[in-house]
C-alpha atoms as a PDB file:
ATOM      1  CA  UNK A   1     130.377 128.045   4.503  1.00  0.00           C
ATOM      2  CA  UNK A   2     131.875 124.861   5.865  1.00  0.00           C
ATOM      3  CA  UNK A   3     130.603 123.574   9.315  1.00  0.00           C
ATOM      4  CA  UNK A   4     133.281 122.380  11.669  1.00  0.00           C
ATOM      5  CA  UNK A   5     132.309 119.544  14.114  1.00  0.00           C
ATOM      6  CA  UNK A   6     132.756 120.555  17.707  1.00  0.00           C
ATOM      7  CA  UNK A   7     134.387 117.859  19.827  1.00  0.00           C
ATOM      8  CA  UNK A   8     133.301 117.664  23.495  1.00  0.00           C
ATOM      9  CA  UNK A   9     135.837 118.929  25.962  1.00  0.00           C
ATOM     10  CA  UNK A  10     138.359 116.326  26.918  1.00  0.00           C
ATOM     11  CA  UNK A  11     137.269 114.257  29.966  1.00  0.00           C
ATOM     12  CA  UNK A  12     133.509 115.101  29.789  1.00  0.00           C
ATOM     13  CA  UNK A  13     132.263 111.549  28.871  1.00  0.00           C
ATOM     14  CA  UNK A  14     134.241 110.130  31.838  1.00  0.00           C
ATOM     15  CA  UNK A  15     132.613 112.582  34.242  1.00  0.00           C
ATOM     16  CA  UNK A  16     129.135 111.641  32.969  1.00  0.00           C
ATOM     17  CA  UNK A  17     129.847 107.942  33.446  1.00  0.00           C
ATOM     18  CA  UNK A  18     131.106 108.659  37.010  1.00  0.00           C
ATOM     19  CA  UNK A  19     127.940 110.598  37.947  1.00  0.00           C
ATOM     20  CA  UNK A  20     125.715 107.785  36.590  1.00  0.00           C
ATOM     21  CA  UNK A  21     127.630 105.147  38.553  1.00  0.00           C
ATOM     22  CA  UNK A  22     127.359 107.226  41.776  1.00  0.00           C
ATOM     23  CA  UNK A  23     123.570 107.679  41.333  1.00  0.00           C
ATOM     24  CA  UNK A  24     123.055 103.890  40.888  1.00  0.00           C
ATOM     25  CA  UNK A  25     125.190 103.176  43.954  1.00  0.00           C
ATOM     26  CA  UNK A  26     123.209 105.635  46.138  1.00  0.00           C
ATOM     27  CA  UNK A  27     119.888 104.155  44.943  1.00  0.00           C
ATOM     28  CA  UNK A  28     120.991 100.594  45.794  1.00  0.00           C
ATOM     29  CA  UNK A  29     122.213 101.759  49.238  1.00  0.00           C
ATOM     30  CA  UNK A  30     118.879 103.503  49.949  1.00  0.00           C
ATOM     31  CA  UNK A  31     116.822 100.390  49.075  1.00  0.00           C
ATOM     32  CA  UNK A  32     119.116  98.255  51.261  1.00  0.00           C
ATOM     33  CA  UNK A  33     118.609 100.559  54.306  1.00  0.00           C
ATOM     34  CA  UNK A  34     114.820 100.569  53.752  1.00  0.00           C
ATOM     35  CA  UNK A  35     114.740  96.749  53.620  1.00  0.00           C
ATOM     36  CA  UNK A  36     116.738  96.526  56.874  1.00  0.00           C
ATOM     37  CA  UNK A  37     114.280  98.907  58.635  1.00  0.00           C
ATOM     38  CA  UNK A  38     111.238  96.881  57.476  1.00  0.00           C
ATOM     39  CA  UNK A  39     112.759  93.539  58.589  1.00  0.00           C
ATOM     40  CA  UNK A  40     113.736  95.036  61.979  1.00  0.00           C
ATOM     41  CA  UNK A  41     110.213  96.396  62.513  1.00  0.00           C
ATOM     42  CA  UNK A  42     108.569  93.033  61.717  1.00  0.00           C
ATOM     43  CA  UNK A  43     110.953  91.209  64.049  1.00  0.00           C
ATOM     44  CA  UNK A  44     110.240  93.657  66.897  1.00  0.00           C
ATOM     45  CA  UNK A  45     106.472  93.270  66.394  1.00  0.00           C
ATOM     46  CA  UNK A  46     106.732  89.471  66.502  1.00  0.00           C
ATOM     47  CA  UNK A  47     108.871  89.492  69.666  1.00  0.00           C
ATOM     48  CA  UNK A  48     106.614  92.028  71.452  1.00  0.00           C
ATOM     49  CA  UNK A  49     103.469  90.031  70.697  1.00  0.00           C
ATOM     50  CA  UNK A  50     104.778  86.704  72.086  1.00  0.00           C
ATOM     51  CA  UNK A  51     103.383  84.508  73.448  1.00  0.00           C
ATOM     52  CA  UNK A  52      99.932  85.818  72.426  1.00  0.00           C
ATOM     53  CA  UNK A  53     101.035  86.323  68.765  1.00  0.00           C
ATOM     54  CA  UNK A  54     102.315  82.780  68.344  1.00  0.00           C
ATOM     55  CA  UNK A  55      99.277  81.258  70.067  1.00  0.00           C
ATOM     56  CA  UNK A  56      96.981  82.633  67.337  1.00  0.00           C
ATOM     57  CA  UNK A  57      98.617  80.319  64.809  1.00  0.00           C
ATOM     58  CA  UNK A  58      98.935  77.220  67.007  1.00  0.00           C
ATOM     59  CA  UNK A  59      96.621  74.748  65.352  1.00  0.00           C
ATOM     60  CA  UNK A  60      97.396  71.853  67.678  1.00  0.00           C
ATOM     61  CA  UNK A  61      94.680  72.796  70.198  1.00  0.00           C
ATOM     62  CA  UNK A  62      91.234  74.402  70.241  1.00  0.00           C
ATOM     63  CA  UNK A  63      92.080  77.785  71.791  1.00  0.00           C
ATOM     64  CA  UNK A  64      88.525  79.147  71.957  1.00  0.00           C
ATOM     65  CA  UNK A  65      86.518  79.268  75.186  1.00  0.00           C
ATOM     66  CA  UNK A  66      82.787  79.779  74.596  1.00  0.00           C
ATOM     67  CA  UNK A  67      81.563  82.661  76.794  1.00  0.00           C
ATOM     68  CA  UNK A  68      77.958  83.649  77.538  1.00  0.00           C
ATOM     69  CA  UNK A  69      77.599  87.162  78.963  1.00  0.00           C
ATOM     70  CA  UNK A  70      75.020  89.963  78.751  1.00  0.00           C
ATOM     71  CA  UNK A  71      75.697  92.634  76.147  1.00  0.00           C
ATOM     72  CA  UNK A  72      74.627  95.450  78.525  1.00  0.00           C
ATOM     73  CA  UNK A  73      74.755  95.724  82.305  1.00  0.00           C
ATOM     74  CA  UNK A  74      74.113  98.547  84.783  1.00  0.00           C
ATOM     75  CA  UNK A  75      76.656  99.875  87.254  1.00  0.00           C
ATOM     76  CA  UNK A  76      76.373  98.559  90.866  1.00  0.00           C
ATOM     77  CA  UNK A  77      74.177  95.616  89.733  1.00  0.00           C
ATOM     78  CA  UNK A  78      76.004  92.223  89.670  1.00  0.00           C
ATOM     79  CA  UNK A  79      75.841  90.063  86.519  1.00  0.00           C
ATOM     80  CA  UNK A  80      76.923  86.486  85.758  1.00  0.00           C
ATOM     81  CA  UNK A  81      79.291  85.171  83.075  1.00  0.00           C
ATOM     82  CA  UNK A  82      79.375  81.472  82.126  1.00  0.00           C
ATOM     83  CA  UNK A  83      81.754  79.586  79.820  1.00  0.00           C
ATOM     84  CA  UNK A  84      82.419  76.179  78.245  1.00  0.00           C
ATOM     85  CA  UNK A  85      85.768  74.598  77.472  1.00  0.00           C
ATOM     86  CA  UNK A  86      86.245  70.851  76.968  1.00  0.00           C
ATOM     87  CA  UNK A  87      89.740  69.452  77.425  1.00  0.00           C
ATOM     88  CA  UNK A  88      91.606  66.783  79.348  1.00  0.00           C
ATOM     89  CA  UNK A  89      94.408  68.966  80.732  1.00  0.00           C
ATOM     90  CA  UNK A  90      94.825  69.915  84.384  1.00  0.00           C
ATOM     91  CA  UNK A  91      94.634  73.627  85.057  1.00  0.00           C
ATOM     92  CA  UNK A  92      92.562  76.541  86.292  1.00  0.00           C
ATOM     93  CA  UNK A  93      90.597  79.411  84.781  1.00  0.00           C
ATOM     94  CA  UNK A  94      91.447  83.100  85.210  1.00  0.00           C
ATOM     95  CA  UNK A  95      89.471  86.315  84.669  1.00  0.00           C
ATOM     96  CA  UNK A  96      90.638  89.723  83.431  1.00  0.00           C
ATOM     97  CA  UNK A  97      89.000  92.837  81.994  1.00  0.00           C
ATOM     98  CA  UNK A  98      90.099  95.746  79.815  1.00  0.00           C
ATOM     99  CA  UNK A  99      90.975  99.015  81.578  1.00  0.00           C
ATOM    100  CA  UNK A 100      88.517 101.880  81.202  1.00  0.00           C
ATOM    101  CA  UNK A 101      88.602 105.245  83.000  1.00  0.00           C
ATOM    102  CA  UNK A 102      86.397 105.258  86.097  1.00  0.00           C
ATOM    103  CA  UNK A 103      85.573 101.520  85.818  1.00  0.00           C
ATOM    104  CA  UNK A 104      86.119  99.019  88.629  1.00  0.00           C
ATOM    105  CA  UNK A 105      85.035  95.404  88.851  1.00  0.00           C
ATOM    106  CA  UNK A 106      84.674  93.177  91.889  1.00  0.00           C
ATOM    107  CA  UNK A 107      84.407  89.404  92.313  1.00  0.00           C
ATOM    108  CA  UNK A 108      82.816  87.568  95.266  1.00  0.00           C
ATOM    109  CA  UNK A 109      85.084  87.454  98.316  1.00  0.00           C
ATOM    110  CA  UNK A 110      82.942  86.323 101.255  1.00  0.00           C
ATOM    111  CA  UNK A 111      79.296  86.503 102.288  1.00  0.00           C
ATOM    112  CA  UNK A 112      77.735  89.832 101.297  1.00  0.00           C
ATOM    113  CA  UNK A 113      81.010  91.288  99.972  1.00  0.00           C
ATOM    114  CA  UNK A 114      82.992  91.757  96.759  1.00  0.00           C
ATOM    115  CA  UNK A 115      86.743  92.225  96.333  1.00  0.00           C
ATOM    116  CA  UNK A 116      87.937  94.757  93.748  1.00  0.00           C
ATOM    117  CA  UNK A 117      90.338  93.331  91.126  1.00  0.00           C
ATOM    118  CA  UNK A 118      92.831  95.371  89.055  1.00  0.00           C
ATOM    119  CA  UNK A 119      92.230  95.770  85.333  1.00  0.00           C
ATOM    120  CA  UNK A 120      94.433  94.035  82.723  1.00  0.00           C
ATOM    121  CA  UNK A 121      95.552  91.520  85.390  1.00  0.00           C
ATOM    122  CA  UNK A 122      94.609  87.817  85.337  1.00  0.00           C
ATOM    123  CA  UNK A 123      92.819  86.749  88.545  1.00  0.00           C
ATOM    124  CA  UNK A 124      92.828  83.009  89.207  1.00  0.00           C
ATOM    125  CA  UNK A 125      89.371  81.504  89.843  1.00  0.00           C
ATOM    126  CA  UNK A 126      88.416  78.504  92.006  1.00  0.00           C
ATOM    127  CA  UNK A 127      89.186  75.107  90.500  1.00  0.00           C
ATOM    128  CA  UNK A 128      86.574  73.692  88.095  1.00  0.00           C
ATOM    129  CA  UNK A 129      84.710  77.033  87.972  1.00  0.00           C
ATOM    130  CA  UNK A 130      82.374  77.477  84.990  1.00  0.00           C
ATOM    131  CA  UNK A 131      80.692  80.741  85.991  1.00  0.00           C
ATOM    132  CA  UNK A 132      81.546  84.019  87.736  1.00  0.00           C
ATOM    133  CA  UNK A 133      79.422  86.787  89.288  1.00  0.00           C
ATOM    134  CA  UNK A 134      80.885  90.274  88.657  1.00  0.00           C
ATOM    135  CA  UNK A 135      80.018  93.614  90.309  1.00  0.00           C
ATOM    136  CA  UNK A 136      80.668  96.566  87.917  1.00  0.00           C
ATOM    137  CA  UNK A 137      81.139 100.061  89.388  1.00  0.00           C
ATOM    138  CA  UNK A 138      81.318 102.918  86.868  1.00  0.00           C
ATOM    139  CA  UNK A 139      82.118 106.383  88.267  1.00  0.00           C
ATOM    140  CA  UNK A 140      81.020 108.244  85.134  1.00  0.00           C
ATOM    141  CA  UNK A 141      77.885 109.708  83.561  1.00  0.00           C
ATOM    142  CA  UNK A 142      78.443 108.110  80.144  1.00  0.00           C
ATOM    143  CA  UNK A 143      78.494 104.452  79.124  1.00  0.00           C
ATOM    144  CA  UNK A 144      81.766 102.523  78.798  1.00  0.00           C
ATOM    145  CA  UNK A 145      82.544  99.457  76.668  1.00  0.00           C
ATOM    146  CA  UNK A 146      84.989  96.929  78.070  1.00  0.00           C
ATOM    147  CA  UNK A 147      86.158  93.466  77.073  1.00  0.00           C
ATOM    148  CA  UNK A 148      86.202  90.630  79.599  1.00  0.00           C
ATOM    149  CA  UNK A 149      88.280  87.497  79.011  1.00  0.00           C
ATOM    150  CA  UNK A 150      88.405  83.991  80.473  1.00  0.00           C
ATOM    151  CA  UNK A 151      91.762  82.188  80.232  1.00  0.00           C
ATOM    152  CA  UNK A 152      92.618  78.518  80.793  1.00  0.00           C
ATOM    153  CA  UNK A 153      96.029  78.197  82.444  1.00  0.00           C
ATOM    154  CA  UNK A 154      97.606  74.691  82.523  1.00  0.00           C
ATOM    155  CA  UNK A 155      98.971  73.486  85.852  1.00  0.00           C
ATOM    156  CA  UNK A 156     102.551  73.859  84.619  1.00  0.00           C
ATOM    157  CA  UNK A 157     101.893  77.145  82.752  1.00  0.00           C
ATOM    158  CA  UNK A 158     101.426  80.827  83.569  1.00  0.00           C
ATOM    159  CA  UNK A 159      98.927  83.616  82.827  1.00  0.00           C
ATOM    160  CA  UNK A 160     101.355  84.980  80.201  1.00  0.00           C
ATOM    161  CA  UNK A 161     100.854  81.869  78.031  1.00  0.00           C
ATOM    162  CA  UNK A 162      97.302  80.500  78.481  1.00  0.00           C
ATOM    163  CA  UNK A 163      96.304  77.351  76.651  1.00  0.00           C
ATOM    164  CA  UNK A 164      92.925  78.785  75.639  1.00  0.00           C
ATOM    165  CA  UNK A 165      91.004  82.035  75.925  1.00  0.00           C
ATOM    166  CA  UNK A 166      87.653  83.608  75.146  1.00  0.00           C
ATOM    167  CA  UNK A 167      86.397  87.201  75.226  1.00  0.00           C
ATOM    168  CA  UNK A 168      83.135  89.147  75.254  1.00  0.00           C
ATOM    169  CA  UNK A 169      82.433  92.866  74.943  1.00  0.00           C
ATOM    170  CA  UNK A 170      80.048  94.371  77.513  1.00  0.00           C
ATOM    171  CA  UNK A 171      78.542  97.866  77.675  1.00  0.00           C
ATOM    172  CA  UNK A 172      78.448  99.318  81.212  1.00  0.00           C
ATOM    173  CA  UNK A 173      75.563 101.752  81.777  1.00  0.00           C
ATOM    174  CA  UNK A 174      75.834 104.328  84.618  1.00  0.00           C
ATOM    175  CA  UNK A 175      73.563 103.693  87.589  1.00  0.00           C
ATOM    176  CA  UNK A 176      71.896 107.085  87.041  1.00  0.00           C
ATOM    177  CA  UNK A 177      71.422 107.665  83.282  1.00  0.00           C
ATOM    178  CA  UNK A 178      71.882 111.246  82.057  1.00  0.00           C
ATOM    179  CA  UNK A 179      68.735 113.216  81.505  1.00  0.00           C
ATOM    180  CA  UNK A 180      67.693 113.724  77.925  1.00  0.00           C
ATOM    181  CA  UNK A 181      66.271 117.027  76.746  1.00  0.00           C
ATOM    182  CA  UNK A 182      62.878 116.385  75.167  1.00  0.00           C
ATOM    183  CA  UNK A 183      61.095 119.189  73.327  1.00  0.00           C
ATOM    184  CA  UNK A 184      57.890 120.102  75.109  1.00  0.00           C
ATOM    185  CA  UNK A 185      54.739 120.796  73.101  1.00  0.00           C
ATOM    186  CA  UNK A 186      52.942 124.058  73.554  1.00  0.00           C
ATOM    187  CA  UNK A 187      50.494 123.920  76.447  1.00  0.00           C
ATOM    188  CA  UNK A 188      46.893 123.505  75.449  1.00  0.00           C
ATOM    189  CA  UNK A 189      43.980 124.695  77.564  1.00  0.00           C
ATOM    190  CA  UNK A 190      42.435 121.786  79.395  1.00  0.00           C
ATOM    191  CA  UNK A 191      38.997 121.544  80.931  1.00  0.00           C
ATOM    192  CA  UNK A 192      38.894 121.600  84.663  1.00  0.00           C
ATOM    193  CA  UNK A 193      38.944 118.039  85.951  1.00  0.00           C
ATOM    194  CA  UNK A 194      36.153 116.785  88.115  1.00  0.00           C
ATOM    195  CA  UNK A 195      37.108 116.738  91.780  1.00  0.00           C
ATOM    196  CA  UNK A 196      38.315 113.351  92.945  1.00  0.00           C
ATOM    197  CA  UNK A 197      38.750 112.097  96.460  1.00  0.00           C
ATOM    198  CA  UNK A 198      42.318 112.254  97.716  1.00  0.00           C
ATOM    199  CA  UNK A 199      43.676 108.722  98.180  1.00  0.00           C
ATOM    200  CA  UNK A 200      45.380 107.975 101.474  1.00  0.00           C
ATOM    201  CA  UNK A 201      49.148 108.394 101.461  1.00  0.00           C
ATOM    202  CA  UNK A 202      50.990 105.066 101.127  1.00  0.00           C
ATOM    203  CA  UNK A 203      52.666 103.769 104.244  1.00  0.00           C
ATOM    204  CA  UNK A 204      56.443 104.192 103.970  1.00  0.00           C
ATOM    205  CA  UNK A 205      58.583 101.125 104.569  1.00  0.00           C
ATOM    206  CA  UNK A 206      61.213 101.262 107.345  1.00  0.00           C
ATOM    207  CA  UNK A 207      64.843 102.119 106.667  1.00  0.00           C
ATOM    208  CA  UNK A 208      67.223  99.311 105.709  1.00  0.00           C
ATOM    209  CA  UNK A 209      70.939  99.910 106.376  1.00  0.00           C
ATOM    210  CA  UNK A 210      73.273  97.590 104.479  1.00  0.00           C
ATOM    211  CA  UNK A 211      77.077  97.418 104.129  1.00  0.00           C
ATOM    212  CA  UNK A 212      79.139  95.917 101.282  1.00  0.00           C
ATOM    213  CA  UNK A 213      82.932  95.442 101.389  1.00  0.00           C
ATOM    214  CA  UNK A 214      84.516  96.602  98.127  1.00  0.00           C
ATOM    215  CA  UNK A 215      88.215  95.985  98.870  1.00  0.00           C
ATOM    216  CA  UNK A 216      90.783  95.535 101.660  1.00  0.00           C
ATOM    217  CA  UNK A 217      94.398  96.014 100.495  1.00  0.00           C
ATOM    218  CA  UNK A 218      97.695  95.891 102.432  1.00  0.00           C
ATOM    219  CA  UNK A 219     101.008  97.271 101.120  1.00  0.00           C
ATOM    220  CA  UNK A 220     104.516  95.918 101.772  1.00  0.00           C
ATOM    221  CA  UNK A 221     104.817  97.942 105.006  1.00  0.00           C
ATOM    222  CA  UNK A 222     101.599  96.749 106.606  1.00  0.00           C
ATOM    223  CA  UNK A 223      99.564  99.876 105.751  1.00  0.00           C
ATOM    224  CA  UNK A 224      95.982  98.778 105.039  1.00  0.00           C
ATOM    225  CA  UNK A 225      93.169 100.519 103.155  1.00  0.00           C
ATOM    226  CA  UNK A 226      89.582  99.251 103.478  1.00  0.00           C
ATOM    227  CA  UNK A 227      86.814 100.550 101.186  1.00  0.00           C
ATOM    228  CA  UNK A 228      83.169  99.735 101.933  1.00  0.00           C
ATOM    229  CA  UNK A 229      79.762 100.987 100.818  1.00  0.00           C
ATOM    230  CA  UNK A 230      76.945 101.841 103.262  1.00  0.00           C
ATOM    231  CA  UNK A 231      73.492 102.174 101.656  1.00  0.00           C
ATOM    232  CA  UNK A 232      69.854 102.696 102.646  1.00  0.00           C
ATOM    233  CA  UNK A 233      67.658 100.293 100.682  1.00  0.00           C
ATOM    234  CA  UNK A 234      64.526 101.074 102.712  1.00  0.00           C
ATOM    235  CA  UNK A 235      61.680 103.527 102.165  1.00  0.00           C
ATOM    236  CA  UNK A 236      62.463 106.101 104.880  1.00  0.00           C
ATOM    237  CA  UNK A 237      65.554 108.000 106.048  1.00  0.00           C
ATOM    238  CA  UNK A 238      67.883 106.181 108.439  1.00  0.00           C
ATOM    239  CA  UNK A 239      68.532 109.043 110.837  1.00  0.00           C
ATOM    240  CA  UNK A 240      71.933 109.275 112.531  1.00  0.00           C
ATOM    241  CA  UNK A 241      73.844 105.986 112.457  1.00  0.00           C
ATOM    242  CA  UNK A 242      77.265 104.584 113.416  1.00  0.00           C
ATOM    243  CA  UNK A 243      79.544 101.805 112.225  1.00  0.00           C
ATOM    244  CA  UNK A 244      82.232  99.778 113.973  1.00  0.00           C
ATOM    245  CA  UNK A 245      85.178  98.022 112.323  1.00  0.00           C
ATOM    246  CA  UNK A 246      87.278  95.194 113.726  1.00  0.00           C
ATOM    247  CA  UNK A 247      90.854  95.756 112.496  1.00  0.00           C
ATOM    248  CA  UNK A 248      93.444  92.952 112.156  1.00  0.00           C
ATOM    249  CA  UNK A 249      96.390  94.808 113.749  1.00  0.00           C
ATOM    250  CA  UNK A 250      99.315  93.689 115.903  1.00  0.00           C
ATOM    251  CA  UNK A 251      97.210  94.767 118.880  1.00  0.00           C
ATOM    252  CA  UNK A 252      93.532  93.955 118.364  1.00  0.00           C
ATOM    253  CA  UNK A 253      91.609  97.183 117.777  1.00  0.00           C
ATOM    254  CA  UNK A 254      87.940  98.043 117.230  1.00  0.00           C
ATOM    255  CA  UNK A 255      87.227 101.347 115.511  1.00  0.00           C
ATOM    256  CA  UNK A 256      83.965 103.177 116.289  1.00  0.00           C
ATOM    257  CA  UNK A 257      82.959 105.916 113.869  1.00  0.00           C
ATOM    258  CA  UNK A 258      81.605 109.335 114.813  1.00  0.00           C
ATOM    259  CA  UNK A 259      77.935 110.025 114.139  1.00  0.00           C
ATOM    260  CA  UNK A 260      77.136 109.635 110.427  1.00  0.00           C
ATOM    261  CA  UNK A 261      74.659 111.815 108.538  1.00  0.00           C
ATOM    262  CA  UNK A 262      71.239 110.364 107.790  1.00  0.00           C
ATOM    263  CA  UNK A 263      70.841 108.490 104.482  1.00  0.00           C
ATOM    264  CA  UNK A 264      67.717 109.110 102.420  1.00  0.00           C
ATOM    265  CA  UNK A 265      66.050 106.175 100.619  1.00  0.00           C
ATOM    266  CA  UNK A 266      68.146 104.705  97.748  1.00  0.00           C
ATOM    267  CA  UNK A 267      71.249 106.735  98.716  1.00  0.00           C
ATOM    268  CA  UNK A 268      74.626 105.454  99.865  1.00  0.00           C
ATOM    269  CA  UNK A 269      78.103 106.583 100.840  1.00  0.00           C
ATOM    270  CA  UNK A 270      81.493 105.028 100.015  1.00  0.00           C
ATOM    271  CA  UNK A 271      83.775 105.027 103.081  1.00  0.00           C
ATOM    272  CA  UNK A 272      87.557 104.545 103.268  1.00  0.00           C
ATOM    273  CA  UNK A 273      89.311 103.418 106.467  1.00  0.00           C
ATOM    274  CA  UNK A 274      93.121 103.346 106.676  1.00  0.00           C
ATOM    275  CA  UNK A 275      95.212 101.744 109.410  1.00  0.00           C
ATOM    276  CA  UNK A 276      98.785 100.536 109.929  1.00  0.00           C
ATOM    277  CA  UNK A 277     100.442  97.481 111.499  1.00  0.00           C
ATOM    278  CA  UNK A 278      98.079  95.132 109.626  1.00  0.00           C
ATOM    279  CA  UNK A 279      98.476  91.383 110.169  1.00  0.00           C
ATOM    280  CA  UNK A 280      96.790  88.304 108.751  1.00  0.00           C
ATOM    281  CA  UNK A 281      93.253  88.165 110.082  1.00  0.00           C
ATOM    282  CA  UNK A 282      89.664  89.147 109.440  1.00  0.00           C
ATOM    283  CA  UNK A 283      88.470  92.684 108.740  1.00  0.00           C
ATOM    284  CA  UNK A 284      84.783  93.186 109.569  1.00  0.00           C
ATOM    285  CA  UNK A 285      82.463  96.183 109.613  1.00  0.00           C
ATOM    286  CA  UNK A 286      78.997  96.518 111.185  1.00  0.00           C
ATOM    287  CA  UNK A 287      76.540  99.384 110.704  1.00  0.00           C
ATOM    288  CA  UNK A 288      73.629 100.210 113.020  1.00  0.00           C
ATOM    289  CA  UNK A 289      71.212 103.081 113.509  1.00  0.00           C
ATOM    290  CA  UNK A 290      71.234 105.296 116.580  1.00  0.00           C
ATOM    291  CA  UNK A 291      68.604 104.828 119.293  1.00  0.00           C
ATOM    292  CA  UNK A 292      67.738 101.343 118.028  1.00  0.00           C
ATOM    293  CA  UNK A 293      66.199 102.514 114.738  1.00  0.00           C
ATOM    294  CA  UNK A 294      63.838  99.820 113.444  1.00  0.00           C
ATOM    295  CA  UNK A 295      64.952  98.326 110.127  1.00  0.00           C
ATOM    296  CA  UNK A 296      63.140  96.102 107.657  1.00  0.00           C
ATOM    297  CA  UNK A 297      66.174  93.778 107.426  1.00  0.00           C
ATOM    298  CA  UNK A 298      69.082  93.561 109.880  1.00  0.00           C
ATOM    299  CA  UNK A 299      70.776  90.491 108.379  1.00  0.00           C
ATOM    300  CA  UNK A 300      72.723  92.681 105.932  1.00  0.00           C
ATOM    301  CA  UNK A 301      74.282  95.049 108.498  1.00  0.00           C
ATOM    302  CA  UNK A 302      77.680  93.299 108.605  1.00  0.00           C
ATOM    303  CA  UNK A 303      80.371  92.237 106.142  1.00  0.00           C
ATOM    304  CA  UNK A 304      83.820  90.676 106.604  1.00  0.00           C
ATOM    305  CA  UNK A 305      86.875  89.675 104.593  1.00  0.00           C
ATOM    306  CA  UNK A 306      90.122  87.852 105.343  1.00  0.00           C
ATOM    307  CA  UNK A 307      93.195  90.114 105.165  1.00  0.00           C
ATOM    308  CA  UNK A 308      96.534  88.721 103.990  1.00  0.00           C
ATOM    309  CA  UNK A 309      99.583  90.804 104.964  1.00  0.00           C
ATOM    310  CA  UNK A 310     102.592  90.557 102.581  1.00  0.00           C
ATOM    311  CA  UNK A 311     105.293  88.068 103.566  1.00  0.00           C
ATOM    312  CA  UNK A 312     107.969  90.793 103.297  1.00  0.00           C
ATOM    313  CA  UNK A 313     106.270  93.010 105.892  1.00  0.00           C
ATOM    314  CA  UNK A 314     108.305  93.471 109.066  1.00  0.00           C
ATOM    315  CA  UNK A 315     105.638  93.634 111.759  1.00  0.00           C
ATOM    316  CA  UNK A 316     107.882  95.556 114.147  1.00  0.00           C
ATOM    317  CA  UNK A 317     108.118  98.531 111.724  1.00  0.00           C
ATOM    318  CA  UNK A 318     105.685 101.470 111.906  1.00  0.00           C
ATOM    319  CA  UNK A 319     105.863 103.764 108.836  1.00  0.00           C
ATOM    320  CA  UNK A 320     106.073 107.496 109.599  1.00  0.00           C
ATOM    321  CA  UNK A 321     103.230 108.367 107.210  1.00  0.00           C
ATOM    322  CA  UNK A 322     100.539 106.813 109.440  1.00  0.00           C
ATOM    323  CA  UNK A 323      99.739 106.990 113.116  1.00  0.00           C
ATOM    324  CA  UNK A 324      98.748 104.131 115.349  1.00  0.00           C
ATOM    325  CA  UNK A 325      95.044 104.862 115.001  1.00  0.00           C
ATOM    326  CA  UNK A 326      92.912 104.556 111.850  1.00  0.00           C
ATOM    327  CA  UNK A 327      92.201 107.411 109.452  1.00  0.00           C
ATOM    328  CA  UNK A 328      88.666 107.647 108.052  1.00  0.00           C
ATOM    329  CA  UNK A 329      87.121 109.487 105.115  1.00  0.00           C
ATOM    330  CA  UNK A 330      83.873 109.249 103.127  1.00  0.00           C
ATOM    331  CA  UNK A 331      82.921 109.816  99.490  1.00  0.00           C
ATOM    332  CA  UNK A 332      79.125 110.407  99.174  1.00  0.00           C
ATOM    333  CA  UNK A 333      77.521 109.081  95.996  1.00  0.00           C
ATOM    334  CA  UNK A 334      73.823 108.658  95.343  1.00  0.00           C
ATOM    335  CA  UNK A 335      72.423 105.861  93.215  1.00  0.00           C
END
């Protein structure tokens, strides 16, 4: 038998070459699109990180500020941060801290008061400052880690492009730590103890009312919100007490609170007072016990803070959401 060679159908080699060319073209196009996406992503990352991204690679200046801060602090107890930065440029330092749920921080405002500062916002410090006292307030039952930063801002610069910066991580511990469950051993019979004379009961120290201003804020329409903390740092209950607040309004006004519930030792209450028609002036609050209750210390019964109304506020306008007289509410919280 003689085998006959079978020739491929006419046009088949041309179709194979066409499919191969199309596959190579699609592969090259796919790699080109992928390269464009990668370059676009890197460019967007570089632009979004400016000026902080570029400052990391600026070797012309020493951009590190040496910070000394405690690694752990307790809520409601002030702590101090110090720093060192040697340079010959004119400028000021600024403070900011990382946002954490339930965490507030205050910086000294006036005697016996702290002003709350917003998180992730640079707050300019007094000129030539090398230390700062901070009041942490954590409204949570678990610890929170936050990062505080000190920036050096040149006189002709802005907080968005500091010349130098330094950071420290701090653990905030709640003022009342959560109770831990400890396994109890089985009770063992104990011999009856010998009778002992009953010692005299210790003499309780008098009550000590104290007030601390946490913040006084005014919006663009002249609506003000004042938050202050009233505490009993003495050894006995305060009994009924009152507080009065001098409000910087278009017409001078003094607010007198209704009777406040007695505070037991080491307890306090956070109070919020809202009023409208705020003007530039001094907000002050004074707390005192009813019927001239004797206190161990009466020098801490008052606190004050200067209030700055926004320049855009039209003082002849009264918003409909507030009345002429202050609105008051309390938020009890024990240490």
